[in-house]
């Protein structure tokens, strides 16, 4: 489920970029999409590490 939410947020940000900066060149559009993709990959890694920490904890701690 978090992957779908992250993807949807990424898509919304790309759409906002395209409508917010219509004068941007195609190269700028690609660079922003790639930057956002890398950012969301990093966010996903942090989320998965956080979920591993939570799931590895005992209920009695």
C-alpha atoms as a PDB file:
ATOM      1  CA  UNK A   1       0.000   0.000   0.000  1.00  0.00           C
ATOM      2  CA  UNK A   2       2.725   2.585   0.806  1.00  0.00           C
ATOM      3  CA  UNK A   3       4.248   2.011  -2.657  1.00  0.00           C
ATOM      4  CA  UNK A   4       0.972   3.007  -4.303  1.00  0.00           C
ATOM      5  CA  UNK A   5       0.676   6.078  -2.094  1.00  0.00           C
ATOM      6  CA  UNK A   6       4.265   7.102  -2.865  1.00  0.00           C
ATOM      7  CA  UNK A   7       3.674   6.600  -6.569  1.00  0.00           C
ATOM      8  CA  UNK A   8       0.501   8.686  -6.450  1.00  0.00           C
ATOM      9  CA  UNK A   9       2.288  11.513  -4.597  1.00  0.00           C
ATOM     10  CA  UNK A  10       5.143  11.353  -7.121  1.00  0.00           C
ATOM     11  CA  UNK A  11       2.649  11.547  -9.993  1.00  0.00           C
ATOM     12  CA  UNK A  12       0.866  14.523  -8.417  1.00  0.00           C
ATOM     13  CA  UNK A  13       4.177  16.352  -7.966  1.00  0.00           C
ATOM     14  CA  UNK A  14       5.154  15.725 -11.588  1.00  0.00           C
ATOM     15  CA  UNK A  15       1.765  16.982 -12.770  1.00  0.00           C
ATOM     16  CA  UNK A  16       2.040  20.054 -10.532  1.00  0.00           C
ATOM     17  CA  UNK A  17       5.509  20.719 -11.941  1.00  0.00           C
ATOM     18  CA  UNK A  18       4.211  20.468 -15.515  1.00  0.00           C
ATOM     19  CA  UNK A  19       1.276  22.798 -14.902  1.00  0.00           C
ATOM     20  CA  UNK A  20       3.173  25.118 -12.564  1.00  0.00           C
ATOM     21  CA  UNK A  21       6.073  25.625 -14.972  1.00  0.00           C
ATOM     22  CA  UNK A  22       4.668  25.312 -18.490  1.00  0.00           C
ATOM     23  CA  UNK A  23       7.643  27.209 -19.921  1.00  0.00           C
ATOM     24  CA  UNK A  24      10.060  24.480 -18.735  1.00  0.00           C
ATOM     25  CA  UNK A  25      11.987  22.683 -21.435  1.00  0.00           C
ATOM     26  CA  UNK A  26      11.559  18.949 -21.998  1.00  0.00           C
ATOM     27  CA  UNK A  27      15.020  18.432 -20.477  1.00  0.00           C
ATOM     28  CA  UNK A  28      13.937  20.229 -17.297  1.00  0.00           C
ATOM     29  CA  UNK A  29      10.788  18.090 -17.163  1.00  0.00           C
ATOM     30  CA  UNK A  30      12.865  14.910 -17.389  1.00  0.00           C
ATOM     31  CA  UNK A  31      15.383  16.128 -14.802  1.00  0.00           C
ATOM     32  CA  UNK A  32      12.644  16.977 -12.296  1.00  0.00           C
ATOM     33  CA  UNK A  33      10.924  13.616 -12.852  1.00  0.00           C
ATOM     34  CA  UNK A  34      14.227  11.782 -12.341  1.00  0.00           C
ATOM     35  CA  UNK A  35      15.033  13.844  -9.233  1.00  0.00           C
ATOM     36  CA  UNK A  36      11.606  13.109  -7.758  1.00  0.00           C
ATOM     37  CA  UNK A  37      12.003   9.405  -8.578  1.00  0.00           C
ATOM     38  CA  UNK A  38      15.353   9.239  -6.780  1.00  0.00           C
ATOM     39  CA  UNK A  39      13.907  11.149  -3.841  1.00  0.00           C
ATOM     40  CA  UNK A  40      11.001   8.717  -3.548  1.00  0.00           C
ATOM     41  CA  UNK A  41      13.332   5.702  -3.818  1.00  0.00           C
ATOM     42  CA  UNK A  42      15.270   7.103  -0.845  1.00  0.00           C
ATOM     43  CA  UNK A  43      12.028   7.721   1.056  1.00  0.00           C
ATOM     44  CA  UNK A  44      10.938   4.135   0.328  1.00  0.00           C
ATOM     45  CA  UNK A  45      14.209   2.765   1.717  1.00  0.00           C
ATOM     46  CA  UNK A  46      13.753   4.765   4.920  1.00  0.00           C
ATOM     47  CA  UNK A  47      10.163   3.565   5.208  1.00  0.00           C
ATOM     48  CA  UNK A  48      11.160  -0.072   4.780  1.00  0.00           C
ATOM     49  CA  UNK A  49      13.922   0.249   7.405  1.00  0.00           C
ATOM     50  CA  UNK A  50      11.493   1.883   9.810  1.00  0.00           C
ATOM     51  CA  UNK A  51       8.916  -0.851   9.247  1.00  0.00           C
ATOM     52  CA  UNK A  52      11.565  -3.534   9.818  1.00  0.00           C
ATOM     53  CA  UNK A  53      12.511  -1.937  13.136  1.00  0.00           C
ATOM     54  CA  UNK A  54       8.888  -1.804  14.242  1.00  0.00           C
ATOM     55  CA  UNK A  55       8.118  -5.368  13.192  1.00  0.00           C
ATOM     56  CA  UNK A  56      11.258  -6.764  14.831  1.00  0.00           C
ATOM     57  CA  UNK A  57      10.383  -5.300  18.214  1.00  0.00           C
ATOM     58  CA  UNK A  58       8.672  -7.514  20.716  1.00  0.00           C
ATOM     59  CA  UNK A  59       5.251  -6.561  22.028  1.00  0.00           C
ATOM     60  CA  UNK A  60       6.603  -6.953  25.553  1.00  0.00           C
ATOM     61  CA  UNK A  61       9.386  -4.306  25.269  1.00  0.00           C
END
